Amino acid sequence: MAAGVRVTKILLVEDSPDDIQITKRALKEAKLINELWTVRDGEEALDFLYRQNRYRDAATSPRPGLILLDINLPKVNGLQVLEKIKSDPALKGIPTVVLTVSRRDEDILKGYSYGCNSFIQKPVEFEKFVEAVKLIGLYWGVLNVDAPCPSHA
C-alpha cells in the first residue's frame, strides 16, 4: 500500500441487492481502498456493531470507520439504528451517512436530530447513484480527518 493511503472500514447497511452491487461497483470504480462489510437489516447492523450473535469475533466484525445506512430496513429501521448508535458513547463517533430514497422532511429531520453526519438521497438514475457513492467514499474515506480515539490521544 502506498504511503499516506488510508484504508477505511465501511459498514454498508442496505437491504436492496441492487443497491449493494451499485455501491460496491462505485467504490471500486473510484479506486478507493476500502474494506466493505454488508449487513441487510437493522437488527444485523446492531449485531455487527455490538459484536453479538454471529458477529462475536472482532476479526470478522471490526469497528467500521464509516457507516452507510439506509433507513427503509426490515426488522429494525435505519432511524432506530442511528438513534442507538449515536446514543452510545462507544459508537457515536463513527461517521454515519444516511443513504436512502426517502425524501420525507420528517426522515431528514429525525436523521439529523439523531446525529447522522450526512443525509443523502439516493439518485434514481444509475450513473448519478454511482457518482454519489464515489463522492461519499472520497470524502469520508480520504478527505475527512477522523477524531482521535481517546485511548490514543
Protein backbone atom coordinates (compact mmCIF):
# COMPACT_ATOMS: atom_id res chain seq x y z
CA MET A 1 0.00 0.00 0.00
CA ALA A 2 1.31 3.46 -0.89
CA ALA A 3 2.39 5.79 1.90
CA GLY A 4 -0.33 8.17 3.01
CA VAL A 5 -3.18 5.99 1.70
CA ARG A 6 -5.80 5.41 4.34
CA VAL A 7 -7.94 2.30 4.46
CA THR A 8 -11.42 2.97 5.77
CA LYS A 9 -13.53 0.10 7.00
CA ILE A 10 -17.07 0.68 5.74
CA LEU A 11 -20.22 -0.95 7.07
CA LEU A 12 -22.98 -0.83 4.45
CA VAL A 13 -26.44 -1.34 5.95
CA GLU A 14 -28.64 -2.00 2.94
CA ASP A 15 -31.39 -4.50 2.13
CA SER A 16 -31.52 -3.96 -1.65
CA PRO A 17 -29.23 -6.37 -3.53
CA ASP A 18 -29.13 -3.93 -6.47
CA ASP A 19 -28.04 -1.01 -4.29
CA ILE A 20 -25.40 -3.19 -2.61
CA GLN A 21 -23.91 -4.08 -6.00
CA ILE A 22 -24.03 -0.47 -7.24
CA THR A 23 -22.33 0.75 -4.06
CA LYS A 24 -19.58 -1.89 -4.36
CA ARG A 25 -19.07 -1.03 -8.03
CA ALA A 26 -18.90 2.71 -7.35
CA LEU A 27 -16.30 2.31 -4.59
CA LYS A 28 -14.24 0.07 -6.88
CA GLU A 29 -14.52 2.49 -9.83
CA ALA A 30 -13.44 5.36 -7.60
CA LYS A 31 -10.31 3.33 -6.80
CA LEU A 32 -10.88 3.81 -3.09
CA ILE A 33 -9.01 1.34 -0.94
CA ASN A 34 -11.74 0.36 1.47
CA GLU A 35 -12.77 -2.74 3.32
CA LEU A 36 -16.51 -3.22 2.97
CA TRP A 37 -18.86 -5.26 5.15
CA THR A 38 -22.53 -5.54 4.28
CA VAL A 39 -25.50 -6.28 6.51
CA ARG A 40 -29.07 -6.46 5.24
CA ASP A 41 -31.27 -5.22 8.08
CA GLY A 42 -31.16 -3.05 11.18
CA GLU A 43 -31.01 -5.97 13.61
CA GLU A 44 -27.99 -7.39 11.81
CA ALA A 45 -26.34 -3.94 11.83
CA LEU A 46 -26.69 -3.74 15.61
CA ASP A 47 -25.38 -7.30 15.99
CA PHE A 48 -22.33 -6.34 13.89
CA LEU A 49 -21.66 -3.13 15.82
CA TYR A 50 -22.17 -4.72 19.23
CA ARG A 51 -20.39 -7.94 18.23
CA GLN A 52 -23.29 -10.20 19.12
CA ASN A 53 -24.64 -13.46 17.75
CA ARG A 54 -22.80 -14.41 14.54
CA TYR A 55 -20.61 -11.27 14.73
CA ARG A 56 -18.88 -12.03 18.06
CA ASP A 57 -15.41 -12.25 16.50
CA ALA A 58 -13.76 -8.82 16.26
CA ALA A 59 -11.62 -10.07 13.35
CA THR A 60 -14.70 -10.64 11.19
CA SER A 61 -16.72 -7.71 12.52
CA PRO A 62 -14.22 -4.88 13.03
CA ARG A 63 -15.21 -1.42 14.19
CA PRO A 64 -16.05 0.49 10.99
CA GLY A 65 -14.65 3.91 10.20
CA LEU A 66 -17.82 4.78 8.28
CA ILE A 67 -21.41 3.55 8.27
CA LEU A 68 -23.58 3.92 5.15
CA LEU A 69 -27.10 3.46 6.46
CA ASP A 70 -30.36 3.01 4.57
CA ILE A 71 -33.41 3.88 6.66
CA ASN A 72 -36.00 1.66 4.98
CA LEU A 73 -34.84 -1.61 6.53
CA PRO A 74 -36.57 -4.76 7.74
CA LYS A 75 -36.66 -5.77 11.43
CA VAL A 76 -35.21 -2.53 12.90
CA ASN A 77 -35.45 0.56 10.71
CA GLY A 78 -32.40 2.69 9.97
CA LEU A 79 -33.53 5.65 12.07
CA GLN A 80 -33.78 3.36 15.11
CA VAL A 81 -30.30 2.01 14.34
CA LEU A 82 -28.98 5.58 14.00
CA GLU A 83 -30.54 6.64 17.30
CA LYS A 84 -28.97 3.65 19.07
CA ILE A 85 -25.52 4.24 17.52
CA LYS A 86 -25.44 7.95 18.32
CA SER A 87 -26.64 7.46 21.91
CA ASP A 88 -23.82 5.00 22.66
CA PRO A 89 -20.53 6.61 23.73
CA ALA A 90 -18.56 3.72 22.20
CA LEU A 91 -20.19 4.11 18.76
CA LYS A 92 -21.32 7.72 18.43
CA GLY A 93 -18.00 8.87 16.98
CA ILE A 94 -18.34 6.65 13.90
CA PRO A 95 -19.34 8.86 10.95
CA THR A 96 -22.77 7.73 9.81
CA VAL A 97 -24.16 8.72 6.43
CA VAL A 98 -27.84 8.09 5.81
CA LEU A 99 -28.14 6.98 2.18
CA THR A 100 -31.80 6.50 1.32
CA VAL A 101 -34.54 7.02 -1.26
CA SER A 102 -36.65 8.84 1.33
CA ARG A 103 -37.44 12.44 0.55
CA ARG A 104 -39.66 12.93 3.59
CA ASP A 105 -38.83 16.02 5.62
CA GLU A 106 -39.67 14.03 8.77
CA ASP A 107 -36.96 11.45 7.96
CA ILE A 108 -34.39 14.15 7.24
CA LEU A 109 -35.18 15.99 10.48
CA LYS A 110 -35.05 12.77 12.52
CA GLY A 111 -31.80 11.74 10.83
CA TYR A 112 -30.08 14.95 11.83
CA SER A 113 -31.68 15.11 15.27
CA TYR A 114 -30.41 11.57 15.96
CA GLY A 115 -26.91 12.60 14.92
CA CYS A 116 -26.27 11.49 11.35
CA ASN A 117 -23.21 13.15 9.82
CA SER A 118 -24.86 13.49 6.43
CA PHE A 119 -28.22 12.68 4.85
CA ILE A 120 -28.03 11.83 1.16
CA GLN A 121 -30.98 10.97 -1.02
CA LYS A 122 -30.16 8.17 -3.44
CA PRO A 123 -30.43 9.38 -7.01
CA VAL A 124 -32.83 7.32 -9.11
CA GLU A 125 -30.58 7.32 -12.18
CA PHE A 126 -27.90 4.62 -12.07
CA GLU A 127 -24.95 6.80 -13.13
CA LYS A 128 -25.88 9.56 -10.68
CA PHE A 129 -26.12 6.99 -7.88
CA VAL A 130 -22.66 5.65 -8.76
CA GLU A 131 -21.28 9.20 -8.75
CA ALA A 132 -22.90 9.96 -5.36
CA VAL A 133 -21.33 6.84 -3.80
CA LYS A 134 -17.93 7.73 -5.27
CA LEU A 135 -18.15 11.20 -3.71
CA ILE A 136 -19.21 9.79 -0.33
CA GLY A 137 -16.30 7.35 -0.41
CA LEU A 138 -13.83 10.04 -1.44
CA TYR A 139 -14.93 12.48 1.25
CA TRP A 140 -15.32 10.07 4.19
CA GLY A 141 -12.61 7.63 3.12
CA VAL A 142 -9.88 10.05 2.04
CA LEU A 143 -10.54 13.73 2.81
CA ASN A 144 -12.20 13.61 6.21
CA VAL A 145 -9.94 13.60 9.28
CA ASP A 146 -11.26 11.29 11.99
CA ALA A 147 -11.31 12.34 15.61
CA PRO A 148 -8.50 10.64 17.56
CA CYS A 149 -9.51 7.71 19.75
CA PRO A 150 -9.46 8.74 23.42
CA SER A 151 -7.11 5.83 24.17
CA HIS A 152 -4.64 7.12 21.53
CA ALA A 153 -4.89 10.86 22.24
